[in-house]
């Protein structure tokens, strides 16, 4: 009988030992699995190139020049095709134009400044998509490269300077102009970088130059660049 009582007390003692005390039991962090949302499932595409600025652009285009040696480009406009040969001598500006062409930047931009018997200027637009493209590629300027012996003859393609306070005539990389003036526009020599020339389609340039424009030289009817492609 005593042995049974002792055994019962021993079992009761073990049960009390295993029961946690509310005052001494440690809290355990409860792991809650986070529910996936639509936002979590969206994976941003990896950039193929760094976002450019004026400090990084030169090194970027120097390397780009080593890998891309193409010179011939076709610009398809509402008035027809213009084929251009890009000069190797102005390597940064040539590489910039090739790079922007590959990014489809020029597609759906416009000839936004047209002056008959002077030049046609393109590469901009009043469409928000153009601003977004620029925002993605980056904000940068290119230094002038005007001592290569090129003149602003009829048919050359040149790069305008930025609208900002710009005593060094740093070039606006997203835009370009083609000299349409008979005899050339040599008063521009030394100020703007010539980086190519029209090899086919000056009749198209003349048609664009002859359209009616408003007081700001913007064509009354928008003239779009539909596509720019690298030929070789």
C-alpha atoms as a PDB file:
ATOM      1  CA  UNK A   1       0.000   0.000   0.000  1.00  0.00           C
ATOM      2  CA  UNK A   2       2.814   2.407   0.924  1.00  0.00           C
ATOM      3  CA  UNK A   3       4.594   1.519  -2.299  1.00  0.00           C
ATOM      4  CA  UNK A   4       1.495   2.357  -4.387  1.00  0.00           C
ATOM      5  CA  UNK A   5       1.070   5.722  -2.617  1.00  0.00           C
ATOM      6  CA  UNK A   6       4.743   6.586  -3.178  1.00  0.00           C
ATOM      7  CA  UNK A   7       4.471   5.647  -6.893  1.00  0.00           C
ATOM      8  CA  UNK A   8       1.334   7.802  -7.307  1.00  0.00           C
ATOM      9  CA  UNK A   9       3.056  10.786  -5.679  1.00  0.00           C
ATOM     10  CA  UNK A  10       6.072  10.295  -8.005  1.00  0.00           C
ATOM     11  CA  UNK A  11       3.835  10.384 -11.105  1.00  0.00           C
ATOM     12  CA  UNK A  12       2.075  13.521  -9.816  1.00  0.00           C
ATOM     13  CA  UNK A  13       5.474  15.162  -9.215  1.00  0.00           C
ATOM     14  CA  UNK A  14       6.601  14.461 -12.784  1.00  0.00           C
ATOM     15  CA  UNK A  15       3.374  15.939 -14.168  1.00  0.00           C
ATOM     16  CA  UNK A  16       3.904  19.135 -12.236  1.00  0.00           C
ATOM     17  CA  UNK A  17       7.489  19.428 -13.498  1.00  0.00           C
ATOM     18  CA  UNK A  18       6.426  19.218 -17.174  1.00  0.00           C
ATOM     19  CA  UNK A  19       3.668  21.837 -16.883  1.00  0.00           C
ATOM     20  CA  UNK A  20       4.995  25.304 -17.864  1.00  0.00           C
ATOM     21  CA  UNK A  21       4.690  28.106 -15.378  1.00  0.00           C
ATOM     22  CA  UNK A  22       2.867  31.143 -16.767  1.00  0.00           C
ATOM     23  CA  UNK A  23       5.324  33.421 -15.020  1.00  0.00           C
ATOM     24  CA  UNK A  24       8.541  31.731 -16.239  1.00  0.00           C
ATOM     25  CA  UNK A  25       7.598  30.372 -19.728  1.00  0.00           C
ATOM     26  CA  UNK A  26       9.535  32.286 -22.458  1.00  0.00           C
ATOM     27  CA  UNK A  27       7.521  33.848 -25.304  1.00  0.00           C
ATOM     28  CA  UNK A  28       8.134  32.291 -28.696  1.00  0.00           C
ATOM     29  CA  UNK A  29       7.963  34.464 -31.852  1.00  0.00           C
ATOM     30  CA  UNK A  30       5.174  33.274 -34.040  1.00  0.00           C
ATOM     31  CA  UNK A  31       6.324  33.042 -37.654  1.00  0.00           C
ATOM     32  CA  UNK A  32       3.672  34.272 -40.052  1.00  0.00           C
ATOM     33  CA  UNK A  33       4.244  33.617 -43.730  1.00  0.00           C
ATOM     34  CA  UNK A  34       3.827  36.831 -45.736  1.00  0.00           C
ATOM     35  CA  UNK A  35       1.215  36.564 -48.418  1.00  0.00           C
ATOM     36  CA  UNK A  36       2.550  37.361 -51.882  1.00  0.00           C
ATOM     37  CA  UNK A  37       0.974  40.338 -53.593  1.00  0.00           C
ATOM     38  CA  UNK A  38       0.804  41.317 -57.241  1.00  0.00           C
ATOM     39  CA  UNK A  39       3.442  43.965 -56.543  1.00  0.00           C
ATOM     40  CA  UNK A  40       5.830  41.348 -55.113  1.00  0.00           C
ATOM     41  CA  UNK A  41       5.475  39.194 -58.222  1.00  0.00           C
ATOM     42  CA  UNK A  42       6.529  41.991 -60.605  1.00  0.00           C
ATOM     43  CA  UNK A  43      10.210  41.644 -61.478  1.00  0.00           C
ATOM     44  CA  UNK A  44      11.814  44.719 -63.015  1.00  0.00           C
ATOM     45  CA  UNK A  45      13.784  43.872 -66.163  1.00  0.00           C
ATOM     46  CA  UNK A  46      17.540  44.108 -65.776  1.00  0.00           C
ATOM     47  CA  UNK A  47      19.066  47.109 -67.517  1.00  0.00           C
ATOM     48  CA  UNK A  48      21.242  46.359 -70.529  1.00  0.00           C
ATOM     49  CA  UNK A  49      23.289  49.515 -69.959  1.00  0.00           C
ATOM     50  CA  UNK A  50      23.889  51.938 -67.076  1.00  0.00           C
ATOM     51  CA  UNK A  51      21.867  55.123 -66.829  1.00  0.00           C
ATOM     52  CA  UNK A  52      24.079  57.731 -68.454  1.00  0.00           C
ATOM     53  CA  UNK A  53      25.182  61.127 -67.230  1.00  0.00           C
ATOM     54  CA  UNK A  54      27.700  63.637 -68.546  1.00  0.00           C
ATOM     55  CA  UNK A  55      30.457  62.107 -66.423  1.00  0.00           C
ATOM     56  CA  UNK A  56      29.924  58.486 -67.488  1.00  0.00           C
ATOM     57  CA  UNK A  57      28.846  59.002 -71.110  1.00  0.00           C
ATOM     58  CA  UNK A  58      32.340  59.498 -72.547  1.00  0.00           C
ATOM     59  CA  UNK A  59      33.727  56.240 -71.160  1.00  0.00           C
ATOM     60  CA  UNK A  60      30.558  54.439 -72.193  1.00  0.00           C
ATOM     61  CA  UNK A  61      30.737  55.630 -75.809  1.00  0.00           C
ATOM     62  CA  UNK A  62      34.480  55.074 -75.994  1.00  0.00           C
ATOM     63  CA  UNK A  63      33.861  51.399 -75.197  1.00  0.00           C
ATOM     64  CA  UNK A  64      30.808  51.351 -77.465  1.00  0.00           C
ATOM     65  CA  UNK A  65      32.939  52.627 -80.326  1.00  0.00           C
ATOM     66  CA  UNK A  66      35.277  49.635 -79.984  1.00  0.00           C
ATOM     67  CA  UNK A  67      32.424  47.166 -80.362  1.00  0.00           C
ATOM     68  CA  UNK A  68      30.228  48.857 -82.969  1.00  0.00           C
ATOM     69  CA  UNK A  69      31.758  49.900 -86.282  1.00  0.00           C
ATOM     70  CA  UNK A  70      28.633  50.507 -88.369  1.00  0.00           C
ATOM     71  CA  UNK A  71      28.406  53.677 -90.445  1.00  0.00           C
ATOM     72  CA  UNK A  72      25.237  53.536 -92.548  1.00  0.00           C
ATOM     73  CA  UNK A  73      21.820  54.411 -91.182  1.00  0.00           C
ATOM     74  CA  UNK A  74      18.393  54.792 -92.768  1.00  0.00           C
ATOM     75  CA  UNK A  75      15.850  57.274 -91.403  1.00  0.00           C
ATOM     76  CA  UNK A  76      12.279  56.576 -92.479  1.00  0.00           C
ATOM     77  CA  UNK A  77      10.064  59.686 -92.381  1.00  0.00           C
ATOM     78  CA  UNK A  78       6.526  60.577 -93.414  1.00  0.00           C
ATOM     79  CA  UNK A  79       8.043  62.004 -96.606  1.00  0.00           C
ATOM     80  CA  UNK A  80      10.361  59.113 -97.475  1.00  0.00           C
ATOM     81  CA  UNK A  81      13.754  57.650 -96.572  1.00  0.00           C
ATOM     82  CA  UNK A  82      16.989  59.471 -95.809  1.00  0.00           C
ATOM     83  CA  UNK A  83      20.211  57.454 -95.759  1.00  0.00           C
ATOM     84  CA  UNK A  84      23.176  58.769 -93.797  1.00  0.00           C
ATOM     85  CA  UNK A  85      26.851  57.867 -93.535  1.00  0.00           C
ATOM     86  CA  UNK A  86      28.315  58.436 -90.046  1.00  0.00           C
ATOM     87  CA  UNK A  87      31.933  59.614 -89.789  1.00  0.00           C
ATOM     88  CA  UNK A  88      34.497  57.549 -87.874  1.00  0.00           C
ATOM     89  CA  UNK A  89      36.415  60.709 -86.959  1.00  0.00           C
ATOM     90  CA  UNK A  90      33.660  61.914 -84.612  1.00  0.00           C
ATOM     91  CA  UNK A  91      33.513  58.622 -82.759  1.00  0.00           C
ATOM     92  CA  UNK A  92      31.589  59.746 -79.672  1.00  0.00           C
ATOM     93  CA  UNK A  93      28.817  61.351 -81.701  1.00  0.00           C
ATOM     94  CA  UNK A  94      28.702  58.452 -84.162  1.00  0.00           C
ATOM     95  CA  UNK A  95      28.508  55.939 -81.307  1.00  0.00           C
ATOM     96  CA  UNK A  96      25.838  58.023 -79.586  1.00  0.00           C
ATOM     97  CA  UNK A  97      23.683  58.024 -82.719  1.00  0.00           C
ATOM     98  CA  UNK A  98      24.102  54.260 -83.173  1.00  0.00           C
ATOM     99  CA  UNK A  99      23.314  53.635 -79.512  1.00  0.00           C
ATOM    100  CA  UNK A 100      20.137  55.733 -79.571  1.00  0.00           C
ATOM    101  CA  UNK A 101      19.098  54.036 -82.796  1.00  0.00           C
ATOM    102  CA  UNK A 102      19.408  50.624 -81.141  1.00  0.00           C
ATOM    103  CA  UNK A 103      17.324  51.878 -78.223  1.00  0.00           C
ATOM    104  CA  UNK A 104      14.591  52.925 -80.698  1.00  0.00           C
ATOM    105  CA  UNK A 105      14.813  56.431 -79.268  1.00  0.00           C
ATOM    106  CA  UNK A 106      14.276  58.287 -82.552  1.00  0.00           C
ATOM    107  CA  UNK A 107      11.182  56.299 -83.543  1.00  0.00           C
ATOM    108  CA  UNK A 108       8.081  58.531 -83.317  1.00  0.00           C
ATOM    109  CA  UNK A 109      10.080  61.697 -82.692  1.00  0.00           C
ATOM    110  CA  UNK A 110       9.522  64.618 -85.060  1.00  0.00           C
ATOM    111  CA  UNK A 111      11.138  67.198 -87.285  1.00  0.00           C
ATOM    112  CA  UNK A 112      10.216  69.959 -84.878  1.00  0.00           C
ATOM    113  CA  UNK A 113      12.215  72.864 -86.343  1.00  0.00           C
ATOM    114  CA  UNK A 114      12.161  73.443 -90.081  1.00  0.00           C
ATOM    115  CA  UNK A 115      13.596  76.488 -91.893  1.00  0.00           C
ATOM    116  CA  UNK A 116      13.532  76.414 -95.680  1.00  0.00           C
ATOM    117  CA  UNK A 117      16.926  76.983 -97.323  1.00  0.00           C
ATOM    118  CA  UNK A 118      18.673  76.502 -93.983  1.00  0.00           C
ATOM    119  CA  UNK A 119      18.123  73.200 -92.126  1.00  0.00           C
ATOM    120  CA  UNK A 120      15.688  70.644 -90.708  1.00  0.00           C
ATOM    121  CA  UNK A 121      16.074  69.653 -87.046  1.00  0.00           C
ATOM    122  CA  UNK A 122      14.754  66.434 -85.487  1.00  0.00           C
ATOM    123  CA  UNK A 123      14.902  64.107 -82.490  1.00  0.00           C
ATOM    124  CA  UNK A 124      12.344  65.702 -80.172  1.00  0.00           C
ATOM    125  CA  UNK A 125       8.598  65.533 -79.705  1.00  0.00           C
ATOM    126  CA  UNK A 126       5.740  66.911 -77.632  1.00  0.00           C
ATOM    127  CA  UNK A 127       4.794  63.312 -76.764  1.00  0.00           C
ATOM    128  CA  UNK A 128       5.384  62.230 -73.157  1.00  0.00           C
ATOM    129  CA  UNK A 129       6.865  58.957 -74.435  1.00  0.00           C
ATOM    130  CA  UNK A 130       9.919  60.827 -75.708  1.00  0.00           C
ATOM    131  CA  UNK A 131      10.543  62.373 -72.300  1.00  0.00           C
ATOM    132  CA  UNK A 132      10.232  58.940 -70.698  1.00  0.00           C
ATOM    133  CA  UNK A 133      12.773  57.484 -73.118  1.00  0.00           C
ATOM    134  CA  UNK A 134      15.221  60.240 -72.224  1.00  0.00           C
ATOM    135  CA  UNK A 135      14.598  59.676 -68.535  1.00  0.00           C
ATOM    136  CA  UNK A 136      15.412  55.989 -68.886  1.00  0.00           C
ATOM    137  CA  UNK A 137      18.557  56.455 -70.999  1.00  0.00           C
ATOM    138  CA  UNK A 138      19.903  59.322 -68.907  1.00  0.00           C
ATOM    139  CA  UNK A 139      20.667  63.033 -68.929  1.00  0.00           C
ATOM    140  CA  UNK A 140      24.009  63.862 -70.505  1.00  0.00           C
ATOM    141  CA  UNK A 141      25.788  66.159 -72.958  1.00  0.00           C
ATOM    142  CA  UNK A 142      28.614  65.476 -75.407  1.00  0.00           C
ATOM    143  CA  UNK A 143      31.620  67.754 -75.909  1.00  0.00           C
ATOM    144  CA  UNK A 144      31.954  69.581 -79.212  1.00  0.00           C
ATOM    145  CA  UNK A 145      34.259  67.910 -81.730  1.00  0.00           C
ATOM    146  CA  UNK A 146      34.646  70.564 -84.411  1.00  0.00           C
ATOM    147  CA  UNK A 147      38.264  70.299 -85.577  1.00  0.00           C
ATOM    148  CA  UNK A 148      37.988  67.335 -87.945  1.00  0.00           C
ATOM    149  CA  UNK A 149      37.978  69.386 -91.125  1.00  0.00           C
ATOM    150  CA  UNK A 150      34.261  68.999 -91.837  1.00  0.00           C
ATOM    151  CA  UNK A 151      32.225  71.963 -93.034  1.00  0.00           C
ATOM    152  CA  UNK A 152      28.518  72.606 -92.786  1.00  0.00           C
ATOM    153  CA  UNK A 153      27.959  71.848 -96.452  1.00  0.00           C
ATOM    154  CA  UNK A 154      24.542  71.014 -97.809  1.00  0.00           C
ATOM    155  CA  UNK A 155      23.542  67.522 -96.678  1.00  0.00           C
ATOM    156  CA  UNK A 156      25.711  67.140 -93.580  1.00  0.00           C
ATOM    157  CA  UNK A 157      24.204  65.973 -90.294  1.00  0.00           C
ATOM    158  CA  UNK A 158      25.248  67.914 -87.214  1.00  0.00           C
ATOM    159  CA  UNK A 159      24.388  68.034 -83.525  1.00  0.00           C
ATOM    160  CA  UNK A 160      22.855  71.146 -81.941  1.00  0.00           C
ATOM    161  CA  UNK A 161      24.118  72.492 -78.640  1.00  0.00           C
ATOM    162  CA  UNK A 162      22.049  72.289 -75.474  1.00  0.00           C
ATOM    163  CA  UNK A 163      19.641  75.081 -74.585  1.00  0.00           C
ATOM    164  CA  UNK A 164      21.211  75.456 -71.138  1.00  0.00           C
ATOM    165  CA  UNK A 165      23.849  78.101 -70.387  1.00  0.00           C
ATOM    166  CA  UNK A 166      26.460  76.488 -72.559  1.00  0.00           C
ATOM    167  CA  UNK A 167      29.581  78.507 -73.418  1.00  0.00           C
ATOM    168  CA  UNK A 168      31.434  75.376 -74.575  1.00  0.00           C
ATOM    169  CA  UNK A 169      28.701  74.405 -77.066  1.00  0.00           C
ATOM    170  CA  UNK A 170      28.169  70.992 -75.459  1.00  0.00           C
ATOM    171  CA  UNK A 171      25.991  68.932 -77.774  1.00  0.00           C
ATOM    172  CA  UNK A 172      22.454  67.802 -77.058  1.00  0.00           C
ATOM    173  CA  UNK A 173      22.794  64.063 -77.852  1.00  0.00           C
ATOM    174  CA  UNK A 174      19.133  63.354 -78.549  1.00  0.00           C
ATOM    175  CA  UNK A 175      18.761  65.769 -81.446  1.00  0.00           C
ATOM    176  CA  UNK A 176      20.317  66.418 -84.836  1.00  0.00           C
ATOM    177  CA  UNK A 177      19.927  68.694 -87.830  1.00  0.00           C
ATOM    178  CA  UNK A 178      20.568  68.291 -91.540  1.00  0.00           C
ATOM    179  CA  UNK A 179      21.823  71.296 -93.511  1.00  0.00           C
ATOM    180  CA  UNK A 180      19.480  71.932 -96.443  1.00  0.00           C
ATOM    181  CA  UNK A 181      20.822  75.310 -97.490  1.00  0.00           C
ATOM    182  CA  UNK A 182      22.212  75.458-101.025  1.00  0.00           C
ATOM    183  CA  UNK A 183      25.888  76.311-100.800  1.00  0.00           C
ATOM    184  CA  UNK A 184      25.957  75.208 -97.163  1.00  0.00           C
ATOM    185  CA  UNK A 185      25.641  77.058 -93.848  1.00  0.00           C
ATOM    186  CA  UNK A 186      29.316  77.679 -93.091  1.00  0.00           C
ATOM    187  CA  UNK A 187      28.628  80.310 -90.439  1.00  0.00           C
ATOM    188  CA  UNK A 188      27.902  77.291 -88.208  1.00  0.00           C
ATOM    189  CA  UNK A 189      31.425  75.883 -88.656  1.00  0.00           C
ATOM    190  CA  UNK A 190      33.374  75.627 -85.434  1.00  0.00           C
ATOM    191  CA  UNK A 191      30.308  75.739 -83.202  1.00  0.00           C
ATOM    192  CA  UNK A 192      28.519  72.467 -83.914  1.00  0.00           C
ATOM    193  CA  UNK A 193      29.771  68.923 -84.396  1.00  0.00           C
ATOM    194  CA  UNK A 194      29.305  67.421 -87.861  1.00  0.00           C
ATOM    195  CA  UNK A 195      29.141  63.630 -87.547  1.00  0.00           C
ATOM    196  CA  UNK A 196      27.728  62.432 -90.875  1.00  0.00           C
ATOM    197  CA  UNK A 197      26.281  63.262 -94.278  1.00  0.00           C
ATOM    198  CA  UNK A 198      23.255  62.340 -96.358  1.00  0.00           C
ATOM    199  CA  UNK A 199      24.104  59.826 -99.081  1.00  0.00           C
ATOM    200  CA  UNK A 200      20.567  59.338-100.371  1.00  0.00           C
ATOM    201  CA  UNK A 201      17.327  61.230 -99.890  1.00  0.00           C
ATOM    202  CA  UNK A 202      18.183  64.921-100.170  1.00  0.00           C
ATOM    203  CA  UNK A 203      14.958  65.262-102.144  1.00  0.00           C
ATOM    204  CA  UNK A 204      13.166  64.136 -98.973  1.00  0.00           C
ATOM    205  CA  UNK A 205      15.107  66.725 -96.959  1.00  0.00           C
ATOM    206  CA  UNK A 206      13.988  69.410 -99.439  1.00  0.00           C
ATOM    207  CA  UNK A 207      10.343  68.318 -99.186  1.00  0.00           C
ATOM    208  CA  UNK A 208      10.437  68.520 -95.394  1.00  0.00           C
ATOM    209  CA  UNK A 209      12.154  71.920 -95.506  1.00  0.00           C
ATOM    210  CA  UNK A 210       9.424  73.259 -97.775  1.00  0.00           C
ATOM    211  CA  UNK A 211       6.426  72.589 -95.506  1.00  0.00           C
ATOM    212  CA  UNK A 212       4.401  75.341 -93.889  1.00  0.00           C
ATOM    213  CA  UNK A 213       5.470  76.169 -90.321  1.00  0.00           C
ATOM    214  CA  UNK A 214       4.237  78.264 -87.406  1.00  0.00           C
ATOM    215  CA  UNK A 215       6.052  81.246 -85.852  1.00  0.00           C
ATOM    216  CA  UNK A 216       8.298  78.848 -83.915  1.00  0.00           C
ATOM    217  CA  UNK A 217       9.386  76.996 -87.099  1.00  0.00           C
ATOM    218  CA  UNK A 218       7.381  73.914 -86.068  1.00  0.00           C
ATOM    219  CA  UNK A 219       5.603  72.330 -89.053  1.00  0.00           C
ATOM    220  CA  UNK A 220       1.878  73.018 -89.085  1.00  0.00           C
ATOM    221  CA  UNK A 221       1.392  69.287 -89.628  1.00  0.00           C
ATOM    222  CA  UNK A 222       3.655  67.033 -87.580  1.00  0.00           C
ATOM    223  CA  UNK A 223       6.339  65.194 -89.561  1.00  0.00           C
ATOM    224  CA  UNK A 224       7.374  61.995 -87.819  1.00  0.00           C
ATOM    225  CA  UNK A 225      10.433  59.809 -87.913  1.00  0.00           C
ATOM    226  CA  UNK A 226       8.780  56.414 -88.184  1.00  0.00           C
ATOM    227  CA  UNK A 227      11.917  54.323 -87.874  1.00  0.00           C
ATOM    228  CA  UNK A 228      15.695  54.530 -87.771  1.00  0.00           C
ATOM    229  CA  UNK A 229      17.676  51.417 -88.617  1.00  0.00           C
ATOM    230  CA  UNK A 230      21.344  50.530 -88.910  1.00  0.00           C
ATOM    231  CA  UNK A 231      22.241  49.193 -92.358  1.00  0.00           C
ATOM    232  CA  UNK A 232      25.916  48.273 -91.849  1.00  0.00           C
END
